[in-house]
Amino acid sequence: MTTTPTADPTATAPADTAEATESCTLDIGGMTCASCVRRVEKVLAKLDGVELADVNLATEAASVVYDPNRVGPDQMAAAIATAGYTGHLRPDPRAATSDTDATGADGTARTPAASDDRREEHERARD
């Protein structure tokens, strides 16, 4: 999940009384065309508390700015499901573990040395 607190740039009230918004990215499954994109954007925009929904077909993701006091990612995913698509909160990349604790796609531990080996192998293949 990627949630980032953001300030409303159009707010005229002092910062302590302005509504805080957050943003998140949802992975969307099942979209095949521009009509699908528009349908997901519409279903998200209809939710009370969603200020902006931008859906990208190529990345199969929706970037949403919302008021966390009125709506949350779970409600967004449920609304996307009612439209016939799948929606899952994208994990926050900032919350990822360090390289020494990370695991590769095959489940083996990745270390900085292993990354260097892959980089060297890639460079040899290019030559």
C-alpha atoms as a PDB file:
ATOM      1  CA  MET A   1       0.000   0.000   0.000  1.00  0.00           C
ATOM      2  CA  THR A   2       1.194   3.423  -0.809  1.00  0.00           C
ATOM      3  CA  THR A   3      -0.455   6.059   1.325  1.00  0.00           C
ATOM      4  CA  THR A   4       0.982   9.513   1.475  1.00  0.00           C
ATOM      5  CA  PRO A   5      -0.495  12.363   3.504  1.00  0.00           C
ATOM      6  CA  THR A   6      -0.948  15.409   1.317  1.00  0.00           C
ATOM      7  CA  ALA A   7      -2.218  18.881   1.979  1.00  0.00           C
ATOM      8  CA  ASP A   8      -5.113  20.211  -0.087  1.00  0.00           C
ATOM      9  CA  PRO A   9      -3.458  22.827  -2.358  1.00  0.00           C
ATOM     10  CA  THR A  10      -6.775  24.646  -2.879  1.00  0.00           C
ATOM     11  CA  ALA A  11      -7.560  24.949   0.822  1.00  0.00           C
ATOM     12  CA  THR A  12      -7.809  28.483   2.116  1.00  0.00           C
ATOM     13  CA  ALA A  13      -8.189  27.565   5.773  1.00  0.00           C
ATOM     14  CA  PRO A  14      -5.177  27.527   8.112  1.00  0.00           C
ATOM     15  CA  ALA A  15      -3.179  24.282   8.064  1.00  0.00           C
ATOM     16  CA  ASP A  16      -4.473  23.157  11.473  1.00  0.00           C
ATOM     17  CA  THR A  17      -8.102  23.249  10.306  1.00  0.00           C
ATOM     18  CA  ALA A  18      -7.609  22.156   6.697  1.00  0.00           C
ATOM     19  CA  GLU A  19      -8.690  18.642   5.845  1.00  0.00           C
ATOM     20  CA  ALA A  20      -5.731  16.340   5.378  1.00  0.00           C
ATOM     21  CA  THR A  21      -5.844  13.999   2.439  1.00  0.00           C
ATOM     22  CA  GLU A  22      -3.935  10.850   1.711  1.00  0.00           C
ATOM     23  CA  SER A  23      -3.056   9.126  -1.497  1.00  0.00           C
ATOM     24  CA  CYS A  24      -2.784   5.462  -2.310  1.00  0.00           C
ATOM     25  CA  THR A  25      -2.165   3.262  -5.299  1.00  0.00           C
ATOM     26  CA  LEU A  26      -4.439   0.331  -6.054  1.00  0.00           C
ATOM     27  CA  ASP A  27      -3.478  -2.470  -8.427  1.00  0.00           C
ATOM     28  CA  ILE A  28      -6.408  -3.030 -10.789  1.00  0.00           C
ATOM     29  CA  GLY A  29      -7.026  -6.315 -12.555  1.00  0.00           C
ATOM     30  CA  GLY A  30      -9.296  -7.138 -15.478  1.00  0.00           C
ATOM     31  CA  MET A  31      -9.062  -3.913 -17.469  1.00  0.00           C
ATOM     32  CA  THR A  32      -8.635  -4.342 -21.210  1.00  0.00           C
ATOM     33  CA  CYS A  33      -9.447  -0.969 -22.769  1.00  0.00           C
ATOM     34  CA  ALA A  34     -10.013   2.746 -22.245  1.00  0.00           C
ATOM     35  CA  SER A  35     -13.671   2.114 -21.390  1.00  0.00           C
ATOM     36  CA  CYS A  36     -12.560  -0.077 -18.500  1.00  0.00           C
ATOM     37  CA  VAL A  37     -10.296   2.716 -17.271  1.00  0.00           C
ATOM     38  CA  ARG A  38     -13.132   5.231 -17.376  1.00  0.00           C
ATOM     39  CA  ARG A  39     -15.487   2.849 -15.586  1.00  0.00           C
ATOM     40  CA  VAL A  40     -13.022   2.335 -12.721  1.00  0.00           C
ATOM     41  CA  GLU A  41     -12.390   6.092 -12.504  1.00  0.00           C
ATOM     42  CA  LYS A  42     -16.138   6.750 -12.337  1.00  0.00           C
ATOM     43  CA  VAL A  43     -16.803   4.173  -9.629  1.00  0.00           C
ATOM     44  CA  LEU A  44     -13.969   5.584  -7.518  1.00  0.00           C
ATOM     45  CA  ALA A  45     -15.037   9.203  -8.091  1.00  0.00           C
ATOM     46  CA  LYS A  46     -18.556   8.400  -6.860  1.00  0.00           C
ATOM     47  CA  LEU A  47     -17.237   7.387  -3.432  1.00  0.00           C
ATOM     48  CA  ASP A  48     -17.727  10.023  -0.756  1.00  0.00           C
ATOM     49  CA  GLY A  49     -14.262  11.249   0.188  1.00  0.00           C
ATOM     50  CA  VAL A  50     -12.453  10.494  -3.066  1.00  0.00           C
ATOM     51  CA  GLU A  51     -11.055  13.741  -4.402  1.00  0.00           C
ATOM     52  CA  LEU A  52      -9.134  12.439  -7.417  1.00  0.00           C
ATOM     53  CA  ALA A  53      -8.897   9.068  -9.143  1.00  0.00           C
ATOM     54  CA  ASP A  54      -6.444   8.564 -11.983  1.00  0.00           C
ATOM     55  CA  VAL A  55      -6.391   5.096 -13.579  1.00  0.00           C
ATOM     56  CA  ASN A  56      -3.626   3.936 -15.915  1.00  0.00           C
ATOM     57  CA  LEU A  57      -4.315   0.991 -18.228  1.00  0.00           C
ATOM     58  CA  ALA A  58      -0.647   0.302 -19.005  1.00  0.00           C
ATOM     59  CA  THR A  59       0.398   0.001 -15.356  1.00  0.00           C
ATOM     60  CA  GLU A  60      -2.959  -1.459 -14.262  1.00  0.00           C
ATOM     61  CA  ALA A  61      -3.014   0.943 -11.335  1.00  0.00           C
ATOM     62  CA  ALA A  62      -5.225   3.627  -9.856  1.00  0.00           C
ATOM     63  CA  SER A  63      -3.735   6.591  -8.020  1.00  0.00           C
ATOM     64  CA  VAL A  64      -6.304   7.970  -5.614  1.00  0.00           C
ATOM     65  CA  VAL A  65      -6.331  11.083  -3.424  1.00  0.00           C
ATOM     66  CA  TYR A  66      -8.907  10.763  -0.673  1.00  0.00           C
ATOM     67  CA  ASP A  67     -10.078  11.932   2.741  1.00  0.00           C
ATOM     68  CA  PRO A  68      -9.240   9.073   5.149  1.00  0.00           C
ATOM     69  CA  ASN A  69     -11.983  10.225   7.516  1.00  0.00           C
ATOM     70  CA  ARG A  70     -14.637   9.462   4.896  1.00  0.00           C
ATOM     71  CA  VAL A  71     -13.301   6.581   2.792  1.00  0.00           C
ATOM     72  CA  GLY A  72     -10.504   4.035   2.856  1.00  0.00           C
ATOM     73  CA  PRO A  73      -8.676   1.716   0.484  1.00  0.00           C
ATOM     74  CA  ASP A  74     -10.862  -1.250   1.491  1.00  0.00           C
ATOM     75  CA  GLN A  75     -14.016   0.600   0.428  1.00  0.00           C
ATOM     76  CA  MET A  76     -12.319   1.596  -2.828  1.00  0.00           C
ATOM     77  CA  ALA A  77     -11.383  -2.024  -3.549  1.00  0.00           C
ATOM     78  CA  ALA A  78     -14.962  -3.110  -2.809  1.00  0.00           C
ATOM     79  CA  ALA A  79     -16.354  -0.493  -5.202  1.00  0.00           C
ATOM     80  CA  ILE A  80     -13.933  -1.628  -7.913  1.00  0.00           C
ATOM     81  CA  ALA A  81     -15.103  -5.210  -7.367  1.00  0.00           C
ATOM     82  CA  THR A  82     -18.740  -4.182  -7.862  1.00  0.00           C
ATOM     83  CA  ALA A  83     -17.709  -2.754 -11.245  1.00  0.00           C
ATOM     84  CA  GLY A  84     -16.332  -6.169 -12.230  1.00  0.00           C
ATOM     85  CA  TYR A  85     -12.614  -5.643 -11.689  1.00  0.00           C
ATOM     86  CA  THR A  86     -10.165  -6.571  -8.966  1.00  0.00           C
ATOM     87  CA  GLY A  87      -8.574  -3.928  -6.796  1.00  0.00           C
ATOM     88  CA  HIS A  88      -5.799  -4.494  -4.290  1.00  0.00           C
ATOM     89  CA  LEU A  89      -3.814  -1.992  -2.320  1.00  0.00           C
ATOM     90  CA  ARG A  90      -0.257  -1.749  -3.649  1.00  0.00           C
ATOM     91  CA  PRO A  91       2.345  -2.248  -0.892  1.00  0.00           C
ATOM     92  CA  ASP A  92       4.243   0.857   0.164  1.00  0.00           C
ATOM     93  CA  PRO A  93       7.759   0.577  -1.307  1.00  0.00           C
ATOM     94  CA  ARG A  94       9.114   2.708   1.540  1.00  0.00           C
ATOM     95  CA  ALA A  95       8.039   0.024   3.993  1.00  0.00           C
ATOM     96  CA  ALA A  96      10.094  -2.646   2.196  1.00  0.00           C
ATOM     97  CA  THR A  97      12.830  -4.406   4.078  1.00  0.00           C
ATOM     98  CA  SER A  98      16.483  -3.724   3.468  1.00  0.00           C
ATOM     99  CA  ASP A  99      18.401  -5.542   0.717  1.00  0.00           C
ATOM    100  CA  THR A 100      20.033  -7.850   3.240  1.00  0.00           C
ATOM    101  CA  ASP A 101      16.642  -9.034   4.477  1.00  0.00           C
ATOM    102  CA  ALA A 102      14.882  -9.165   1.107  1.00  0.00           C
ATOM    103  CA  THR A 103      14.131 -12.335  -0.770  1.00  0.00           C
ATOM    104  CA  GLY A 104      14.173 -12.892  -4.486  1.00  0.00           C
ATOM    105  CA  ALA A 105      11.306 -14.222  -6.586  1.00  0.00           C
ATOM    106  CA  ASP A 106      12.595 -17.762  -6.020  1.00  0.00           C
ATOM    107  CA  GLY A 107      12.434 -17.314  -2.228  1.00  0.00           C
ATOM    108  CA  THR A 108      16.193 -17.238  -1.737  1.00  0.00           C
ATOM    109  CA  ALA A 109      17.750 -14.471   0.279  1.00  0.00           C
ATOM    110  CA  ARG A 110      19.089 -11.554  -1.706  1.00  0.00           C
ATOM    111  CA  THR A 111      22.258  -9.912  -0.535  1.00  0.00           C
ATOM    112  CA  PRO A 112      24.181  -6.960  -1.917  1.00  0.00           C
ATOM    113  CA  ALA A 113      26.800  -9.417  -3.203  1.00  0.00           C
ATOM    114  CA  ALA A 114      24.139 -11.379  -5.076  1.00  0.00           C
ATOM    115  CA  SER A 115      22.906  -8.151  -6.666  1.00  0.00           C
ATOM    116  CA  ASP A 116      26.445  -7.336  -7.749  1.00  0.00           C
ATOM    117  CA  ASP A 117      26.784 -10.812  -9.276  1.00  0.00           C
ATOM    118  CA  ARG A 118      23.588 -10.323 -11.284  1.00  0.00           C
ATOM    119  CA  ARG A 119      24.744  -6.898 -12.434  1.00  0.00           C
ATOM    120  CA  GLU A 120      28.112  -8.305 -13.572  1.00  0.00           C
ATOM    121  CA  GLU A 121      26.380 -11.198 -15.347  1.00  0.00           C
ATOM    122  CA  HIS A 122      24.106  -8.740 -17.139  1.00  0.00           C
ATOM    123  CA  GLU A 123      27.059  -6.615 -18.231  1.00  0.00           C
ATOM    124  CA  ARG A 124      28.893  -9.692 -19.573  1.00  0.00           C
ATOM    125  CA  ALA A 125      25.801 -10.714 -21.541  1.00  0.00           C
ATOM    126  CA  ARG A 126      25.607  -7.258 -23.126  1.00  0.00           C
ATOM    127  CA  ASP A 127      29.211  -7.441 -24.365  1.00  0.00           C
END
